N, C-alpha and C. Protein backbone atom coordinates (compact mmCIF):
# COMPACT_ATOMS: atom_id res chain seq x y z
N MET A 1 -110.07 81.06 241.87
CA MET A 1 -111.27 81.48 241.93
C MET A 1 -112.10 80.40 241.88
N ILE A 2 -113.26 80.02 242.86
CA ILE A 2 -114.28 79.27 243.13
C ILE A 2 -115.36 79.92 243.15
N SER A 3 -116.14 79.48 242.17
CA SER A 3 -117.76 79.84 241.86
C SER A 3 -118.87 78.69 242.48
N PHE A 4 -119.59 79.34 243.33
CA PHE A 4 -120.71 78.82 243.63
C PHE A 4 -121.31 77.84 242.20
N ASN A 5 -121.70 78.52 241.29
CA ASN A 5 -122.04 77.22 240.17
C ASN A 5 -120.97 77.43 238.65
N GLU A 6 -120.60 75.98 238.51
CA GLU A 6 -119.27 75.67 237.82
C GLU A 6 -119.61 75.78 236.38
N TRP A 7 -120.76 75.64 236.19
CA TRP A 7 -121.11 75.69 234.65
C TRP A 7 -122.55 75.23 234.89
N HIS A 8 -123.23 76.06 233.66
CA HIS A 8 -124.58 76.46 232.92
C HIS A 8 -125.11 75.47 232.13
N MET A 9 -126.12 74.82 232.04
CA MET A 9 -126.65 73.94 230.72
C MET A 9 -128.17 74.81 230.24
N ILE A 10 -128.11 75.26 228.78
CA ILE A 10 -128.79 74.94 227.76
C ILE A 10 -129.47 74.72 226.99
N PRO A 11 -130.59 72.97 227.47
CA PRO A 11 -130.65 72.58 226.54
C PRO A 11 -131.74 72.23 225.15
N ASN A 12 -131.42 72.16 224.22
CA ASN A 12 -132.06 72.25 223.17
C ASN A 12 -132.57 73.80 222.34
N ALA A 13 -130.98 73.96 223.02
CA ALA A 13 -131.42 75.73 222.67
C ALA A 13 -131.28 76.28 221.36
N ILE A 14 -130.94 75.70 220.19
CA ILE A 14 -130.84 75.87 218.79
C ILE A 14 -131.03 75.04 217.78
N ASP A 15 -131.76 75.35 217.13
CA ASP A 15 -133.09 74.09 216.28
C ASP A 15 -131.83 73.25 215.35
N GLU A 16 -132.46 72.17 215.24
CA GLU A 16 -131.48 71.39 214.17
C GLU A 16 -131.07 72.04 212.74
N LYS A 17 -131.93 72.57 212.21
CA LYS A 17 -131.53 73.37 210.93
C LYS A 17 -130.49 74.84 211.01
N THR A 18 -130.63 74.83 212.19
CA THR A 18 -129.17 75.91 212.20
C THR A 18 -128.21 75.56 212.55
N CYS A 19 -128.32 74.54 213.21
CA CYS A 19 -127.04 74.04 213.65
C CYS A 19 -126.28 73.34 212.59
N LYS A 20 -127.25 72.74 211.52
CA LYS A 20 -126.58 72.62 210.20
C LYS A 20 -125.82 73.19 208.81
N LYS A 21 -126.91 74.66 209.29
CA LYS A 21 -126.30 75.90 208.94
C LYS A 21 -125.21 76.32 209.58
N ILE A 22 -124.83 76.09 210.39
CA ILE A 22 -123.44 76.75 211.18
C ILE A 22 -122.18 75.51 210.73
N ILE A 23 -122.37 74.39 210.72
CA ILE A 23 -121.61 73.11 210.18
C ILE A 23 -121.35 73.59 208.77
N ALA A 24 -122.63 73.80 207.77
CA ALA A 24 -121.66 74.43 206.77
C ALA A 24 -120.69 75.39 206.39
N LEU A 25 -121.23 76.35 206.99
CA LEU A 25 -119.86 77.30 207.06
C LEU A 25 -118.37 76.78 207.18
N GLY A 26 -118.05 75.64 207.57
CA GLY A 26 -117.00 75.09 207.47
C GLY A 26 -116.73 74.62 206.20
N LYS A 27 -117.34 74.09 205.30
CA LYS A 27 -117.17 73.88 203.89
C LYS A 27 -115.90 72.85 203.64
N SER A 28 -114.68 73.63 203.24
CA SER A 28 -113.12 72.49 202.83
C SER A 28 -112.42 73.77 203.49
N ARG A 29 -112.79 74.00 204.94
CA ARG A 29 -111.73 75.54 205.15
C ARG A 29 -111.23 74.51 206.57
N PHE A 30 -111.59 73.56 207.15
CA PHE A 30 -110.95 72.87 208.17
C PHE A 30 -109.73 72.83 208.71
N ALA A 31 -108.81 73.75 209.49
CA ALA A 31 -107.12 73.46 209.92
C ALA A 31 -107.00 72.64 211.50
N PRO A 32 -105.78 71.94 210.57
CA PRO A 32 -105.97 71.98 212.31
C PRO A 32 -105.59 72.34 213.70
N GLY A 33 -106.11 71.97 214.90
CA GLY A 33 -106.25 73.15 215.77
C GLY A 33 -105.00 73.21 216.63
N LEU A 34 -104.85 74.10 216.80
CA LEU A 34 -103.37 74.36 217.52
C LEU A 34 -103.54 74.27 218.92
N THR A 35 -102.77 74.00 219.97
CA THR A 35 -102.66 74.47 221.96
C THR A 35 -101.38 75.13 221.65
N ASN A 36 -101.58 75.34 223.41
CA ASN A 36 -100.55 76.39 223.52
C ASN A 36 -99.21 75.06 224.50
N VAL A 37 -97.94 75.29 223.23
CA VAL A 37 -96.86 74.91 223.44
C VAL A 37 -95.56 74.83 224.19
N HIS A 38 -95.03 74.27 225.33
CA HIS A 38 -94.43 74.82 226.47
C HIS A 38 -93.51 75.42 226.03
N MET A 39 -92.41 76.69 226.00
CA MET A 39 -91.38 76.99 225.52
C MET A 39 -90.71 77.22 226.13
N GLY A 40 -90.36 76.29 227.24
CA GLY A 40 -89.18 76.81 228.21
C GLY A 40 -90.18 78.05 229.44
N LYS A 41 -88.85 78.18 229.76
CA LYS A 41 -89.51 79.58 231.34
C LYS A 41 -89.14 81.22 231.28
N LYS A 42 -90.10 82.01 231.15
CA LYS A 42 -89.96 83.00 231.15
C LYS A 42 -90.06 84.33 231.90
N GLU A 43 -88.54 84.64 232.78
CA GLU A 43 -88.38 85.41 233.38
C GLU A 43 -87.93 84.01 234.56
N ASP A 44 -88.59 84.82 236.18
CA ASP A 44 -88.88 84.05 236.87
C ASP A 44 -90.27 83.99 237.59
N THR A 45 -91.19 83.79 236.34
CA THR A 45 -92.62 83.85 236.98
C THR A 45 -93.37 82.77 236.42
N ALA A 46 -93.34 82.09 235.69
CA ALA A 46 -94.56 81.37 235.12
C ALA A 46 -94.15 80.63 233.46
N PRO A 47 -94.07 79.44 232.98
CA PRO A 47 -93.58 78.71 231.89
C PRO A 47 -94.11 79.97 230.76
N LYS A 48 -93.44 79.72 229.77
CA LYS A 48 -93.65 80.45 228.59
C LYS A 48 -94.51 79.76 227.78
N HIS A 49 -95.48 80.06 227.35
CA HIS A 49 -95.95 79.24 225.89
C HIS A 49 -96.35 79.67 224.56
N GLU A 50 -96.24 79.04 223.31
CA GLU A 50 -96.43 79.52 222.38
C GLU A 50 -97.20 78.60 221.26
N SER A 51 -98.34 79.28 220.74
CA SER A 51 -99.92 78.13 220.16
C SER A 51 -98.43 77.39 218.65
N GLY A 52 -99.01 76.26 218.65
CA GLY A 52 -98.15 75.49 217.84
C GLY A 52 -99.21 74.08 217.93
N LEU A 53 -98.56 73.00 217.17
CA LEU A 53 -99.67 71.71 216.88
C LEU A 53 -98.52 70.56 217.78
N ASP A 54 -99.50 70.59 218.23
CA ASP A 54 -99.59 68.97 219.14
C ASP A 54 -100.17 67.89 219.16
N GLN A 55 -100.68 67.41 218.73
CA GLN A 55 -101.35 66.13 218.82
C GLN A 55 -101.86 65.32 219.70
N SER A 56 -100.57 65.45 220.53
CA SER A 56 -100.63 64.51 221.83
C SER A 56 -101.58 64.91 222.76
N THR A 57 -101.72 66.30 222.64
CA THR A 57 -102.93 67.03 223.17
C THR A 57 -104.11 67.29 223.10
N ARG A 58 -103.94 67.61 221.58
CA ARG A 58 -105.39 68.36 220.94
C ARG A 58 -104.93 67.80 219.80
N LYS A 59 -106.56 66.96 219.00
CA LYS A 59 -106.50 66.21 217.49
C LYS A 59 -107.91 66.81 216.78
N SER A 60 -108.17 67.75 216.34
CA SER A 60 -109.27 68.14 216.08
C SER A 60 -108.73 68.94 214.85
N ASP A 61 -110.03 69.50 213.86
CA ASP A 61 -110.03 70.35 213.13
C ASP A 61 -110.93 71.88 213.31
N VAL A 62 -110.34 72.42 213.34
CA VAL A 62 -110.92 74.11 213.39
C VAL A 62 -110.88 75.23 211.87
N VAL A 63 -112.44 76.30 212.05
CA VAL A 63 -112.46 77.40 210.91
C VAL A 63 -113.40 78.37 212.14
N PHE A 64 -112.42 79.80 211.92
CA PHE A 64 -112.37 80.49 212.58
C PHE A 64 -114.02 81.41 211.95
N ILE A 65 -114.83 81.89 212.50
CA ILE A 65 -115.72 82.63 212.07
C ILE A 65 -116.00 83.86 212.71
N ARG A 66 -116.24 84.94 211.86
CA ARG A 66 -115.97 86.47 212.07
C ARG A 66 -116.74 87.07 210.82
N ASN A 67 -117.16 87.67 211.47
CA ASN A 67 -118.37 88.74 211.33
C ASN A 67 -119.60 88.22 210.15
N ILE A 68 -120.61 87.77 211.42
CA ILE A 68 -121.73 86.57 210.82
C ILE A 68 -122.67 86.79 212.01
N PRO A 69 -122.81 88.25 211.95
CA PRO A 69 -124.13 88.44 213.14
C PRO A 69 -124.73 87.83 213.23
N TRP A 70 -125.91 86.92 212.26
CA TRP A 70 -127.18 86.18 212.65
C TRP A 70 -126.74 85.01 213.77
N ILE A 71 -125.33 84.51 213.80
CA ILE A 71 -124.94 83.68 215.01
C ILE A 71 -124.59 84.32 216.09
N SER A 72 -123.95 85.74 216.03
CA SER A 72 -124.07 86.36 217.24
C SER A 72 -125.19 86.81 218.01
N GLU A 73 -126.47 87.16 217.09
CA GLU A 73 -127.57 87.44 217.50
C GLU A 73 -128.13 86.17 217.94
N ILE A 74 -127.70 84.53 218.23
CA ILE A 74 -128.64 84.05 218.68
C ILE A 74 -128.06 83.68 219.52
N ILE A 75 -126.76 83.36 219.59
CA ILE A 75 -125.87 82.94 221.08
C ILE A 75 -125.60 83.97 222.39
N VAL A 76 -125.81 85.26 221.57
CA VAL A 76 -124.99 85.95 223.04
C VAL A 76 -126.69 86.16 224.03
N PRO A 77 -127.40 86.34 223.64
CA PRO A 77 -129.02 86.33 224.45
C PRO A 77 -128.73 84.71 225.14
N HIS A 78 -128.44 84.07 225.03
CA HIS A 78 -128.32 82.57 226.02
C HIS A 78 -127.05 82.77 226.94
N LEU A 79 -125.70 83.40 226.16
CA LEU A 79 -124.70 83.74 227.70
C LEU A 79 -125.21 84.50 228.37
N ALA A 80 -126.49 85.93 227.96
CA ALA A 80 -126.80 86.69 228.95
C ALA A 80 -127.42 86.08 230.02
N SER A 81 -128.67 85.26 229.04
CA SER A 81 -129.36 84.42 230.17
C SER A 81 -128.51 83.48 231.11
N ALA A 82 -127.49 83.05 231.13
CA ALA A 82 -126.67 81.95 231.76
C ALA A 82 -126.02 82.74 232.60
N ASN A 83 -125.09 84.06 231.82
CA ASN A 83 -124.59 84.65 233.42
C ASN A 83 -125.11 85.17 234.34
N GLU A 84 -126.33 85.37 234.43
CA GLU A 84 -127.85 85.62 235.15
C GLU A 84 -127.80 84.64 236.00
N ALA A 85 -128.53 83.58 235.34
CA ALA A 85 -128.83 82.28 236.09
C ALA A 85 -127.75 81.47 237.43
N ALA A 86 -127.04 81.53 236.70
CA ALA A 86 -125.70 81.31 237.46
C ALA A 86 -125.15 81.84 238.54
N GLY A 87 -125.27 83.40 238.34
CA GLY A 87 -124.88 83.90 239.46
C GLY A 87 -123.75 84.24 239.25
N TRP A 88 -123.14 84.48 238.12
CA TRP A 88 -121.88 85.00 238.49
C TRP A 88 -121.91 86.53 237.69
N LYS A 89 -123.12 86.72 236.84
CA LYS A 89 -123.30 88.80 236.72
C LYS A 89 -121.00 88.70 236.50
N TYR A 90 -120.54 88.49 235.52
CA TYR A 90 -119.40 88.88 234.62
C TYR A 90 -120.03 90.20 233.78
N ASP A 91 -119.09 91.41 233.87
CA ASP A 91 -119.27 91.90 233.14
C ASP A 91 -118.26 91.76 232.10
N ILE A 92 -119.19 91.51 230.91
CA ILE A 92 -119.05 91.12 229.44
C ILE A 92 -119.14 92.17 228.63
N ILE A 93 -117.71 92.57 227.86
CA ILE A 93 -118.23 93.00 226.37
C ILE A 93 -118.07 92.89 225.18
N GLY A 94 -117.30 91.74 225.32
CA GLY A 94 -117.49 91.49 223.81
C GLY A 94 -117.64 89.62 223.62
N ILE A 95 -117.45 89.44 222.10
CA ILE A 95 -116.97 88.43 222.05
C ILE A 95 -115.41 87.95 220.80
N GLU A 96 -114.73 87.08 221.28
CA GLU A 96 -114.17 86.61 220.11
C GLU A 96 -114.26 85.87 218.74
N ALA A 97 -113.53 85.60 217.70
CA ALA A 97 -114.10 85.12 216.66
C ALA A 97 -114.08 83.96 217.07
N LEU A 98 -115.61 83.00 216.90
CA LEU A 98 -116.03 81.85 217.17
C LEU A 98 -115.36 80.88 216.41
N GLN A 99 -115.05 79.81 217.01
CA GLN A 99 -114.23 78.45 216.39
C GLN A 99 -115.69 77.17 216.00
N LEU A 100 -115.62 77.34 215.17
CA LEU A 100 -115.92 75.47 214.54
C LEU A 100 -115.19 74.53 214.83
N THR A 101 -115.58 73.64 215.15
CA THR A 101 -114.22 72.67 215.48
C THR A 101 -115.06 70.58 215.28
N ARG A 102 -113.86 70.21 214.33
CA ARG A 102 -114.31 69.13 214.22
C ARG A 102 -113.91 67.85 214.34
N TYR A 103 -114.32 67.05 215.70
CA TYR A 103 -113.49 65.68 215.58
C TYR A 103 -113.95 64.88 214.84
N LYS A 104 -112.67 64.30 214.07
CA LYS A 104 -113.03 62.41 213.78
C LYS A 104 -112.65 61.81 214.80
N LYS A 105 -113.07 60.15 214.00
CA LYS A 105 -113.13 59.34 215.54
C LYS A 105 -111.77 59.17 215.37
N GLY A 106 -111.40 59.43 217.17
CA GLY A 106 -109.64 59.46 217.50
C GLY A 106 -109.11 60.62 217.59
N GLY A 107 -110.50 61.98 217.90
CA GLY A 107 -110.03 63.05 217.92
C GLY A 107 -110.20 63.45 219.23
N PHE A 108 -109.64 63.98 220.08
CA PHE A 108 -109.81 64.59 221.25
C PHE A 108 -109.02 65.88 221.74
N TYR A 109 -109.28 66.45 223.24
CA TYR A 109 -109.16 67.70 222.93
C TYR A 109 -108.51 67.73 224.73
N SER A 110 -107.30 67.31 225.03
CA SER A 110 -106.83 67.25 226.49
C SER A 110 -107.15 68.45 227.89
N TRP A 111 -107.63 68.27 228.89
CA TRP A 111 -107.49 68.63 229.90
C TRP A 111 -106.85 70.03 229.56
N HIS A 112 -107.58 71.42 230.11
CA HIS A 112 -107.02 72.79 229.55
C HIS A 112 -108.06 73.41 230.14
N GLN A 113 -107.66 74.80 230.01
CA GLN A 113 -108.19 75.84 229.98
C GLN A 113 -108.31 76.93 229.48
N ASP A 114 -109.42 77.64 229.36
CA ASP A 114 -109.55 78.82 227.86
C ASP A 114 -109.07 79.79 228.61
N GLY A 115 -109.16 80.27 229.58
CA GLY A 115 -108.20 81.75 230.22
C GLY A 115 -108.31 81.52 231.32
N SER A 116 -107.69 82.78 232.49
CA SER A 116 -107.23 83.03 233.93
C SER A 116 -107.26 83.87 234.65
N GLY A 117 -108.19 85.46 233.48
CA GLY A 117 -108.77 86.46 234.47
C GLY A 117 -108.16 87.27 234.72
N CYS A 118 -106.61 86.99 234.69
CA CYS A 118 -105.63 88.05 235.41
C CYS A 118 -105.45 88.96 234.51
N HIS A 119 -104.48 90.03 235.11
CA HIS A 119 -103.54 91.35 233.78
C HIS A 119 -103.26 90.69 233.46
N LEU A 120 -102.19 89.91 233.32
CA LEU A 120 -101.11 89.61 232.95
C LEU A 120 -101.37 88.36 231.71
N SER A 121 -102.94 88.17 231.37
CA SER A 121 -103.25 86.88 230.18
C SER A 121 -104.54 88.33 229.69
N GLY A 122 -104.42 89.49 229.50
CA GLY A 122 -105.04 90.29 229.35
C GLY A 122 -104.85 91.18 227.80
N ARG A 123 -105.67 90.78 226.93
CA ARG A 123 -105.24 91.19 225.34
C ARG A 123 -105.81 92.52 225.20
N THR A 124 -104.97 93.81 223.92
CA THR A 124 -106.19 94.06 223.27
C THR A 124 -107.00 93.93 222.03
N TYR A 125 -107.79 94.22 221.56
CA TYR A 125 -108.90 93.80 220.44
C TYR A 125 -108.88 94.97 219.43
N GLY A 126 -108.60 95.02 218.12
CA GLY A 126 -108.92 96.46 217.77
C GLY A 126 -108.38 97.72 217.98
N ASP A 127 -109.12 98.69 217.28
CA ASP A 127 -108.52 100.02 218.45
C ASP A 127 -108.98 100.32 219.82
N ASP A 128 -109.21 99.13 220.18
CA ASP A 128 -109.44 99.53 221.72
C ASP A 128 -107.73 99.46 222.61
N PRO A 129 -107.77 100.40 223.22
CA PRO A 129 -106.42 100.47 224.13
C PRO A 129 -106.49 99.80 225.50
N ASN A 130 -107.91 99.26 225.76
CA ASN A 130 -108.02 98.60 226.89
C ASN A 130 -107.70 96.67 227.03
N THR A 131 -107.39 96.07 227.76
CA THR A 131 -107.20 95.10 228.17
C THR A 131 -108.33 94.25 228.25
N TYR A 132 -108.80 93.00 227.81
CA TYR A 132 -109.74 92.28 228.26
C TYR A 132 -109.51 90.79 228.38
N VAL A 133 -109.80 89.96 228.95
CA VAL A 133 -109.75 88.17 229.26
C VAL A 133 -111.10 88.09 229.29
N ARG A 134 -110.67 86.46 228.30
CA ARG A 134 -112.00 85.47 229.01
C ARG A 134 -112.89 85.34 230.03
N LYS A 135 -113.75 85.55 229.92
CA LYS A 135 -113.88 85.34 231.57
C LYS A 135 -115.03 84.30 231.02
N LEU A 136 -116.47 83.96 230.31
CA LEU A 136 -116.83 82.93 230.22
C LEU A 136 -116.38 82.45 228.77
N SER A 137 -116.68 80.70 228.49
CA SER A 137 -116.43 80.13 228.08
C SER A 137 -118.08 79.60 227.69
N MET A 138 -118.54 79.41 225.94
CA MET A 138 -119.54 78.46 225.42
C MET A 138 -119.31 77.45 224.74
N THR A 139 -120.03 76.08 224.90
CA THR A 139 -119.73 75.33 223.77
C THR A 139 -121.49 75.02 223.15
N VAL A 140 -121.40 75.05 222.15
CA VAL A 140 -122.99 74.67 221.58
C VAL A 140 -122.62 73.05 220.79
N LEU A 141 -123.31 72.29 220.95
CA LEU A 141 -123.20 71.10 220.45
C LEU A 141 -124.38 70.99 218.92
N LEU A 142 -123.26 70.69 218.10
CA LEU A 142 -124.40 70.83 216.60
C LEU A 142 -124.70 69.73 216.33
N ASN A 143 -124.54 68.26 216.87
CA ASN A 143 -125.22 67.32 216.42
C ASN A 143 -124.69 66.37 217.48
N ASP A 144 -125.72 65.34 217.24
CA ASP A 144 -125.08 63.86 218.61
C ASP A 144 -125.05 62.58 217.96
N ASN A 145 -125.18 62.32 216.56
CA ASN A 145 -124.97 61.14 215.92
C ASN A 145 -123.45 60.86 215.88
N TYR A 146 -122.57 61.01 216.94
CA TYR A 146 -121.53 59.95 217.47
C TYR A 146 -121.49 59.40 218.41
N SER A 147 -120.19 58.78 219.01
CA SER A 147 -120.06 58.11 220.60
C SER A 147 -118.95 58.63 220.79
N GLY A 148 -118.53 58.53 222.08
CA GLY A 148 -117.40 59.25 222.67
C GLY A 148 -117.40 60.92 223.10
N GLY A 149 -116.98 60.87 222.63
CA GLY A 149 -116.55 62.88 222.53
C GLY A 149 -117.20 63.49 223.82
N ALA A 150 -117.17 62.70 225.06
CA ALA A 150 -117.67 63.22 226.03
C ALA A 150 -117.57 65.08 226.57
N PHE A 151 -117.78 65.94 226.79
CA PHE A 151 -117.45 66.42 227.32
C PHE A 151 -117.05 66.61 229.09
N GLU A 152 -116.17 67.28 229.62
CA GLU A 152 -115.73 66.91 230.58
C GLU A 152 -115.49 67.91 231.77
N PHE A 153 -115.66 68.20 232.53
CA PHE A 153 -115.20 69.10 233.93
C PHE A 153 -114.10 68.03 235.19
N CYS A 154 -113.13 69.07 235.17
CA CYS A 154 -112.61 68.90 236.85
C CYS A 154 -112.52 69.72 237.24
N SER A 155 -112.79 69.72 238.43
CA SER A 155 -113.12 70.25 239.86
C SER A 155 -112.29 69.59 240.95
N TYR A 156 -111.65 71.20 241.73
CA TYR A 156 -110.74 70.61 242.75
C TYR A 156 -111.02 70.54 243.96
N GLY A 157 -110.74 70.29 245.26
CA GLY A 157 -111.31 70.66 246.33
C GLY A 157 -109.88 70.23 247.09
N GLN A 158 -109.56 70.93 248.26
CA GLN A 158 -108.55 70.55 249.46
C GLN A 158 -107.75 69.16 249.45
N GLN A 159 -108.45 67.75 249.33
CA GLN A 159 -108.27 66.59 249.36
C GLN A 159 -108.06 65.95 248.19
N MET A 160 -108.91 66.83 246.89
CA MET A 160 -108.56 65.79 245.91
C MET A 160 -109.66 66.36 244.80
N HIS A 161 -109.67 65.90 244.02
CA HIS A 161 -110.60 65.95 242.69
C HIS A 161 -111.20 65.52 241.75
N HIS A 162 -112.32 65.54 241.40
CA HIS A 162 -113.09 64.82 240.47
C HIS A 162 -113.65 65.47 239.48
N HIS A 163 -113.83 64.30 238.33
CA HIS A 163 -114.03 64.35 237.14
C HIS A 163 -115.72 64.40 237.30
N THR A 164 -116.17 65.19 236.02
CA THR A 164 -117.88 65.45 236.14
C THR A 164 -118.04 65.71 233.84
N THR A 165 -118.85 64.13 234.52
CA THR A 165 -119.49 64.75 233.01
C THR A 165 -121.25 64.95 232.32
N PRO A 166 -121.31 66.63 232.61
CA PRO A 166 -122.38 66.63 232.55
C PRO A 166 -123.79 66.28 231.43
N GLU A 167 -124.77 65.92 231.77
CA GLU A 167 -125.93 65.79 230.54
C GLU A 167 -126.56 66.95 230.39
N ILE A 168 -125.10 67.40 229.35
CA ILE A 168 -125.76 68.69 228.39
C ILE A 168 -126.93 68.52 227.89
N GLY A 169 -126.86 67.54 226.63
CA GLY A 169 -128.07 67.02 226.01
C GLY A 169 -127.85 67.32 224.30
N GLY A 170 -128.70 67.06 223.95
CA GLY A 170 -128.41 66.57 222.05
C GLY A 170 -127.95 67.99 221.74
N THR A 171 -128.65 67.71 220.36
CA THR A 171 -128.18 68.80 219.24
C THR A 171 -128.79 70.08 219.37
N GLY A 172 -128.17 71.23 219.51
CA GLY A 172 -128.37 72.15 219.66
C GLY A 172 -128.30 72.74 221.02
N SER A 173 -127.76 71.80 222.13
CA SER A 173 -128.12 71.90 223.54
C SER A 173 -126.38 73.07 223.77
N ILE A 174 -126.14 73.77 225.12
CA ILE A 174 -125.21 75.00 224.81
C ILE A 174 -124.69 74.61 227.03
N VAL A 175 -123.18 74.37 226.76
CA VAL A 175 -123.19 74.93 228.41
C VAL A 175 -122.03 76.04 228.22
N VAL A 176 -122.13 76.75 229.28
CA VAL A 176 -121.57 78.06 229.43
C VAL A 176 -120.81 77.63 230.66
N PHE A 177 -119.59 78.29 230.88
CA PHE A 177 -118.79 78.47 232.35
C PHE A 177 -117.40 78.89 232.19
N PRO A 178 -117.36 79.23 233.85
CA PRO A 178 -116.10 79.98 233.44
C PRO A 178 -114.93 79.49 232.54
N ALA A 179 -114.27 80.69 232.64
CA ALA A 179 -113.17 80.02 231.07
C ALA A 179 -111.96 79.91 232.12
N TRP A 180 -112.08 79.54 233.51
CA TRP A 180 -110.80 78.85 234.01
C TRP A 180 -110.86 77.37 234.58
N MET A 181 -112.51 76.93 234.06
CA MET A 181 -112.95 75.76 234.05
C MET A 181 -111.90 74.71 233.94
N GLU A 182 -111.38 73.97 234.68
CA GLU A 182 -110.63 72.74 233.58
C GLU A 182 -111.43 71.74 232.89
N HIS A 183 -110.97 71.39 231.22
CA HIS A 183 -112.40 70.52 230.79
C HIS A 183 -111.36 70.68 229.81
N ARG A 184 -112.22 68.92 229.08
CA ARG A 184 -111.92 68.39 228.07
C ARG A 184 -113.15 67.48 226.79
N VAL A 185 -112.36 67.15 225.73
CA VAL A 185 -113.40 66.14 224.86
C VAL A 185 -112.52 65.52 224.82
N ALA A 186 -113.66 64.33 225.71
CA ALA A 186 -112.56 63.14 225.59
C ALA A 186 -112.63 62.16 223.64
N PRO A 187 -112.03 61.33 224.07
CA PRO A 187 -111.25 60.72 222.41
C PRO A 187 -113.18 60.21 221.91
N LEU A 188 -113.09 60.57 220.31
CA LEU A 188 -114.34 60.15 219.79
C LEU A 188 -114.04 58.83 219.20
N THR A 189 -114.98 57.79 219.19
CA THR A 189 -114.58 56.64 219.33
C THR A 189 -115.56 55.97 217.97
N LYS A 190 -116.54 57.13 217.68
CA LYS A 190 -117.54 56.63 216.49
C LYS A 190 -117.67 58.16 216.03
N GLY A 191 -118.14 58.66 214.12
CA GLY A 191 -118.62 59.55 213.80
C GLY A 191 -118.02 60.79 214.02
N ILE A 192 -118.78 61.50 213.73
CA ILE A 192 -117.59 63.35 213.75
C ILE A 192 -118.55 64.48 214.67
N ARG A 193 -117.93 64.55 215.73
CA ARG A 193 -118.86 65.94 216.07
C ARG A 193 -118.54 67.40 215.74
N TYR A 194 -118.86 68.05 216.06
CA TYR A 194 -118.96 69.38 215.19
C TYR A 194 -119.20 70.31 216.91
N SER A 195 -118.52 71.16 217.42
CA SER A 195 -119.13 72.12 217.61
C SER A 195 -118.99 73.40 217.72
N LEU A 196 -119.37 74.14 218.00
CA LEU A 196 -119.42 75.71 218.23
C LEU A 196 -118.34 76.20 219.57
N VAL A 197 -117.60 76.70 219.47
CA VAL A 197 -117.13 77.38 220.50
C VAL A 197 -117.10 79.09 220.50
N ALA A 198 -116.90 79.82 221.70
CA ALA A 198 -117.13 81.09 221.76
C ALA A 198 -117.01 81.65 222.82
N TRP A 199 -115.56 82.87 222.69
CA TRP A 199 -115.72 83.27 224.61
C TRP A 199 -115.28 84.85 224.80
N PHE A 200 -116.60 84.87 225.70
CA PHE A 200 -116.73 85.54 225.99
C PHE A 200 -115.96 87.18 226.50
N LEU A 201 -115.58 88.15 226.43
CA LEU A 201 -114.19 88.73 226.88
C LEU A 201 -115.07 89.94 228.00
N GLY A 202 -114.01 90.47 229.16
CA GLY A 202 -114.19 91.96 229.96
C GLY A 202 -112.96 92.15 230.33
N PRO A 203 -113.32 93.03 231.04
CA PRO A 203 -112.33 93.37 231.57
C PRO A 203 -111.32 92.74 233.09
N PRO A 204 -110.06 92.34 233.15
CA PRO A 204 -109.72 91.14 234.08
C PRO A 204 -110.29 91.80 235.23
N PHE A 205 -110.48 90.85 236.50
CA PHE A 205 -110.55 90.46 237.81
C PHE A 205 -109.83 91.96 238.50
N LYS A 206 -110.57 91.98 239.37
CA LYS A 206 -109.46 92.75 240.88
C LYS A 206 -109.93 92.51 241.67
């Protein structure tokens, strides 16, 4: 799928005090982040993947945050404004558990996508019998006193692809993008990088 706008940025959207409050939710609860590990072929259609620890692909620590309404009250309006301003206007019905992520020196997350949007990638949530997919992803930068760790996108054309490192901004800045956009966090060279990641859900594309 091709979008006219591949991402939308909101610089300095959340104040530093609130960012520190979100970071504090992690405390000693961080655990190594998992990624999709190739598990061979599934029938004749696509590779089968399962979540597992693969530090050649991802080296970071995460905490999943659930049922904290004040965070959703802050980020959801920014998602709505980005969805409108970027021209996506995707049908969004909910949000997954939030992911607080910590990258230490040497930490990274190689090129990946958060979702595909097709019916085969749909999941049910709670008591709702309908299936939903990740349509938009959001990253909130919770601090900026580190080096390296750039957030980068990869775009593809018929003849070539190119990498882009947008100037997202400092502490509290937000970037929103379609979940199938390939992106990465480059290796951190100094300090600790904290971010809040959110995935917004909707019906599969038709």
